[in-house]
Amino acid sequence: MKLSYPVCIYPNDTEPGFTAIVPDLPGCVTCGDTMQEVFEMAVDAASGWVLTELEDGNLPPKASNIAEVHADEYPDGFTSMVFLDMDEYAQKWGDKAVRKNCTIPAWLNSFAEKANVNFSAVLQEALIEQLHVNS
């Protein structure tokens, strides 16, 4: 899932650097020492905000039209866009567990339980190998 959101960037008043606010994601505020860093931090903060919503079973908020988002309430502020690759971010940072129910033969279950097999670990390892995912 790829998303984009308007972001308001403005220079800090009391210290060097910049602050970024993503108005569509309440409380999503970050800062950086350079313009490049503040954009990187904005992408990271917005991605983390959206990932939390997704892991809680919610849809991400709809992005506002950039023409309707104004950073002029801040001196020298401007509006830009941040682009989020949620699949990549979730693969790297997502950690919420999801319960999966599967069926195996009773005889195999008996052998596995006697050997103290961790079923979740075996399934995770098999999926990682099957999907060629680097964990």
C-alpha atoms as a PDB file:
ATOM      1  CA  MET A   1       0.000   0.000   0.000  1.00  0.00           C
ATOM      2  CA  LYS A   2       1.410   3.337  -1.037  1.00  0.00           C
ATOM      3  CA  LEU A   3       0.043   6.528   0.512  1.00  0.00           C
ATOM      4  CA  SER A   4       0.805  10.224   0.373  1.00  0.00           C
ATOM      5  CA  TYR A   5      -0.039  13.026   2.775  1.00  0.00           C
ATOM      6  CA  PRO A   6       0.503  16.772   2.825  1.00  0.00           C
ATOM      7  CA  VAL A   7       3.096  17.892   5.353  1.00  0.00           C
ATOM      8  CA  CYS A   8       3.735  21.367   6.758  1.00  0.00           C
ATOM      9  CA  ILE A   9       7.415  22.218   7.194  1.00  0.00           C
ATOM     10  CA  TYR A  10       8.716  25.245   9.018  1.00  0.00           C
ATOM     11  CA  PRO A  11      12.000  26.410  10.558  1.00  0.00           C
ATOM     12  CA  ASN A  12      12.305  26.098  14.324  1.00  0.00           C
ATOM     13  CA  ASP A  13      12.100  29.308  16.348  1.00  0.00           C
ATOM     14  CA  THR A  14      14.489  28.524  19.176  1.00  0.00           C
ATOM     15  CA  GLU A  15      17.042  26.117  17.700  1.00  0.00           C
ATOM     16  CA  PRO A  16      18.464  25.218  14.299  1.00  0.00           C
ATOM     17  CA  GLY A  17      16.474  22.780  12.208  1.00  0.00           C
ATOM     18  CA  PHE A  18      12.939  22.241  11.019  1.00  0.00           C
ATOM     19  CA  THR A  19       9.640  20.877  12.277  1.00  0.00           C
ATOM     20  CA  ALA A  20       7.180  18.812  10.233  1.00  0.00           C
ATOM     21  CA  ILE A  21       3.477  18.386  10.958  1.00  0.00           C
ATOM     22  CA  VAL A  22       1.235  15.941   9.095  1.00  0.00           C
ATOM     23  CA  PRO A  23      -2.203  17.541   9.622  1.00  0.00           C
ATOM     24  CA  ASP A  24      -4.194  14.465   8.520  1.00  0.00           C
ATOM     25  CA  LEU A  25      -2.536  12.349  11.230  1.00  0.00           C
ATOM     26  CA  PRO A  26      -3.358  13.920  14.614  1.00  0.00           C
ATOM     27  CA  GLY A  27      -0.278  14.319  16.778  1.00  0.00           C
ATOM     28  CA  CYS A  28       2.110  13.377  13.978  1.00  0.00           C
ATOM     29  CA  VAL A  29       4.892  15.919  14.529  1.00  0.00           C
ATOM     30  CA  THR A  30       8.632  15.464  14.112  1.00  0.00           C
ATOM     31  CA  CYS A  31      11.765  17.492  13.489  1.00  0.00           C
ATOM     32  CA  GLY A  32      15.163  17.305  11.868  1.00  0.00           C
ATOM     33  CA  ASP A  33      18.390  19.270  11.760  1.00  0.00           C
ATOM     34  CA  THR A  34      18.347  19.636   7.959  1.00  0.00           C
ATOM     35  CA  MET A  35      15.662  19.809   5.306  1.00  0.00           C
ATOM     36  CA  GLN A  36      16.545  16.288   4.128  1.00  0.00           C
ATOM     37  CA  GLU A  37      16.415  14.939   7.666  1.00  0.00           C
ATOM     38  CA  VAL A  38      13.053  16.532   8.453  1.00  0.00           C
ATOM     39  CA  PHE A  39      11.524  14.922   5.352  1.00  0.00           C
ATOM     40  CA  GLU A  40      13.009  11.534   6.286  1.00  0.00           C
ATOM     41  CA  MET A  41      11.685  11.926   9.814  1.00  0.00           C
ATOM     42  CA  ALA A  42       8.255  12.972   8.499  1.00  0.00           C
ATOM     43  CA  VAL A  43       8.043   9.829   6.357  1.00  0.00           C
ATOM     44  CA  ASP A  44       9.075   7.691   9.326  1.00  0.00           C
ATOM     45  CA  ALA A  45       6.653   9.367  11.750  1.00  0.00           C
ATOM     46  CA  ALA A  46       3.730   9.218   9.313  1.00  0.00           C
ATOM     47  CA  SER A  47       4.476   5.595   8.423  1.00  0.00           C
ATOM     48  CA  GLY A  48       4.573   4.633  12.103  1.00  0.00           C
ATOM     49  CA  TRP A  49       1.313   6.466  12.734  1.00  0.00           C
ATOM     50  CA  VAL A  50      -0.429   4.709   9.831  1.00  0.00           C
ATOM     51  CA  LEU A  51       1.051   1.292  10.703  1.00  0.00           C
ATOM     52  CA  THR A  52      -0.421   1.556  14.204  1.00  0.00           C
ATOM     53  CA  GLU A  53      -3.838   2.244  12.704  1.00  0.00           C
ATOM     54  CA  LEU A  54      -3.532  -0.671  10.277  1.00  0.00           C
ATOM     55  CA  GLU A  55      -2.408  -3.066  13.005  1.00  0.00           C
ATOM     56  CA  ASP A  56      -5.418  -1.992  15.074  1.00  0.00           C
ATOM     57  CA  GLY A  57      -7.695  -2.922  12.146  1.00  0.00           C
ATOM     58  CA  ASN A  58      -8.434   0.641  11.044  1.00  0.00           C
ATOM     59  CA  LEU A  59      -8.143   2.162   7.608  1.00  0.00           C
ATOM     60  CA  PRO A  60      -5.609   4.955   7.135  1.00  0.00           C
ATOM     61  CA  PRO A  61      -7.092   8.464   7.095  1.00  0.00           C
ATOM     62  CA  LYS A  62      -7.886   9.979   3.734  1.00  0.00           C
ATOM     63  CA  ALA A  63      -5.309  12.537   2.665  1.00  0.00           C
ATOM     64  CA  SER A  64      -6.358  16.154   2.361  1.00  0.00           C
ATOM     65  CA  ASN A  65      -5.977  18.002  -0.902  1.00  0.00           C
ATOM     66  CA  ILE A  66      -2.584  19.725  -0.693  1.00  0.00           C
ATOM     67  CA  ALA A  67      -4.165  22.920  -2.048  1.00  0.00           C
ATOM     68  CA  GLU A  68      -6.308  23.068   1.110  1.00  0.00           C
ATOM     69  CA  VAL A  69      -3.417  22.614   3.563  1.00  0.00           C
ATOM     70  CA  HIS A  70      -1.583  25.793   4.509  1.00  0.00           C
ATOM     71  CA  ALA A  71       1.573  26.202   6.549  1.00  0.00           C
ATOM     72  CA  ASP A  72       1.370  29.985   6.464  1.00  0.00           C
ATOM     73  CA  GLU A  73       0.448  30.111  10.161  1.00  0.00           C
ATOM     74  CA  TYR A  74       4.149  29.459  10.754  1.00  0.00           C
ATOM     75  CA  PRO A  75       6.787  32.019   9.704  1.00  0.00           C
ATOM     76  CA  ASP A  76       8.542  30.788   6.548  1.00  0.00           C
ATOM     77  CA  GLY A  77       6.440  27.619   6.551  1.00  0.00           C
ATOM     78  CA  PHE A  78       5.530  25.714   3.416  1.00  0.00           C
ATOM     79  CA  THR A  79       3.472  22.700   2.424  1.00  0.00           C
ATOM     80  CA  SER A  80       4.827  19.662   0.604  1.00  0.00           C
ATOM     81  CA  MET A  81       4.018  15.952   0.343  1.00  0.00           C
ATOM     82  CA  VAL A  82       5.409  12.830   1.972  1.00  0.00           C
ATOM     83  CA  PHE A  83       5.123   9.463   0.281  1.00  0.00           C
ATOM     84  CA  LEU A  84       4.721   6.288   2.337  1.00  0.00           C
ATOM     85  CA  ASP A  85       5.416   2.702   1.288  1.00  0.00           C
ATOM     86  CA  MET A  86       3.464   0.892   3.971  1.00  0.00           C
ATOM     87  CA  ASP A  87       4.343  -2.607   2.758  1.00  0.00           C
ATOM     88  CA  GLU A  88       8.056  -1.905   3.095  1.00  0.00           C
ATOM     89  CA  TYR A  89       7.614  -0.119   6.433  1.00  0.00           C
ATOM     90  CA  ALA A  90       5.421  -2.893   7.884  1.00  0.00           C
ATOM     91  CA  GLN A  91       7.895  -5.548   6.800  1.00  0.00           C
ATOM     92  CA  LYS A  92      10.668  -3.733   8.610  1.00  0.00           C
ATOM     93  CA  TRP A  93       8.854  -2.410  11.702  1.00  0.00           C
ATOM     94  CA  GLY A  94       5.504  -4.168  12.073  1.00  0.00           C
ATOM     95  CA  ASP A  95       5.341  -6.456  15.071  1.00  0.00           C
ATOM     96  CA  LYS A  96       1.738  -7.015  15.938  1.00  0.00           C
ATOM     97  CA  ALA A  97       1.005 -10.717  16.043  1.00  0.00           C
ATOM     98  CA  VAL A  98      -1.925 -12.135  14.100  1.00  0.00           C
ATOM     99  CA  ARG A  99      -3.616 -15.345  15.178  1.00  0.00           C
ATOM    100  CA  LYS A 100      -3.903 -17.912  12.394  1.00  0.00           C
ATOM    101  CA  ASN A 101      -5.845 -21.125  12.758  1.00  0.00           C
ATOM    102  CA  CYS A 102      -4.633 -24.113  10.756  1.00  0.00           C
ATOM    103  CA  THR A 103      -5.383 -27.823  10.661  1.00  0.00           C
ATOM    104  CA  ILE A 104      -2.810 -30.639  10.789  1.00  0.00           C
ATOM    105  CA  PRO A 105      -3.232 -34.415  11.143  1.00  0.00           C
ATOM    106  CA  ALA A 106      -3.686 -35.592  14.734  1.00  0.00           C
ATOM    107  CA  TRP A 107      -0.714 -37.969  14.513  1.00  0.00           C
ATOM    108  CA  LEU A 108       1.571 -35.079  13.436  1.00  0.00           C
ATOM    109  CA  ASN A 109       0.283 -32.928  16.301  1.00  0.00           C
ATOM    110  CA  SER A 110       1.062 -35.742  18.770  1.00  0.00           C
ATOM    111  CA  PHE A 111       4.650 -36.100  17.541  1.00  0.00           C
ATOM    112  CA  ALA A 112       5.182 -32.321  17.563  1.00  0.00           C
ATOM    113  CA  GLU A 113       3.795 -31.890  21.078  1.00  0.00           C
ATOM    114  CA  LYS A 114       5.984 -34.732  22.397  1.00  0.00           C
ATOM    115  CA  ALA A 115       8.991 -32.968  20.859  1.00  0.00           C
ATOM    116  CA  ASN A 116       7.922 -29.627  22.425  1.00  0.00           C
ATOM    117  CA  VAL A 117       7.699 -27.977  19.014  1.00  0.00           C
ATOM    118  CA  ASN A 118       6.782 -24.291  18.996  1.00  0.00           C
ATOM    119  CA  PHE A 119       4.110 -24.311  16.275  1.00  0.00           C
ATOM    120  CA  SER A 120       4.192 -20.530  15.805  1.00  0.00           C
ATOM    121  CA  ALA A 121       7.957 -20.502  15.314  1.00  0.00           C
ATOM    122  CA  VAL A 122       7.820 -23.361  12.804  1.00  0.00           C
ATOM    123  CA  LEU A 123       5.076 -21.653  10.803  1.00  0.00           C
ATOM    124  CA  GLN A 124       6.939 -18.326  10.814  1.00  0.00           C
ATOM    125  CA  GLU A 125      10.183 -19.980   9.679  1.00  0.00           C
ATOM    126  CA  ALA A 126       8.388 -21.906   6.928  1.00  0.00           C
ATOM    127  CA  LEU A 127       6.587 -18.798   5.660  1.00  0.00           C
ATOM    128  CA  ILE A 128       9.796 -16.760   5.634  1.00  0.00           C
ATOM    129  CA  GLU A 129      11.541 -19.503   3.648  1.00  0.00           C
ATOM    130  CA  GLN A 130       8.584 -20.060   1.304  1.00  0.00           C
ATOM    131  CA  LEU A 131       8.173 -16.327   0.584  1.00  0.00           C
ATOM    132  CA  HIS A 132      11.921 -15.597   0.429  1.00  0.00           C
ATOM    133  CA  VAL A 133      11.514 -12.854   3.022  1.00  0.00           C
ATOM    134  CA  ASN A 134      14.540 -11.463   4.831  1.00  0.00           C
ATOM    135  CA  SER A 135      13.612 -11.047   8.462  1.00  0.00           C
END
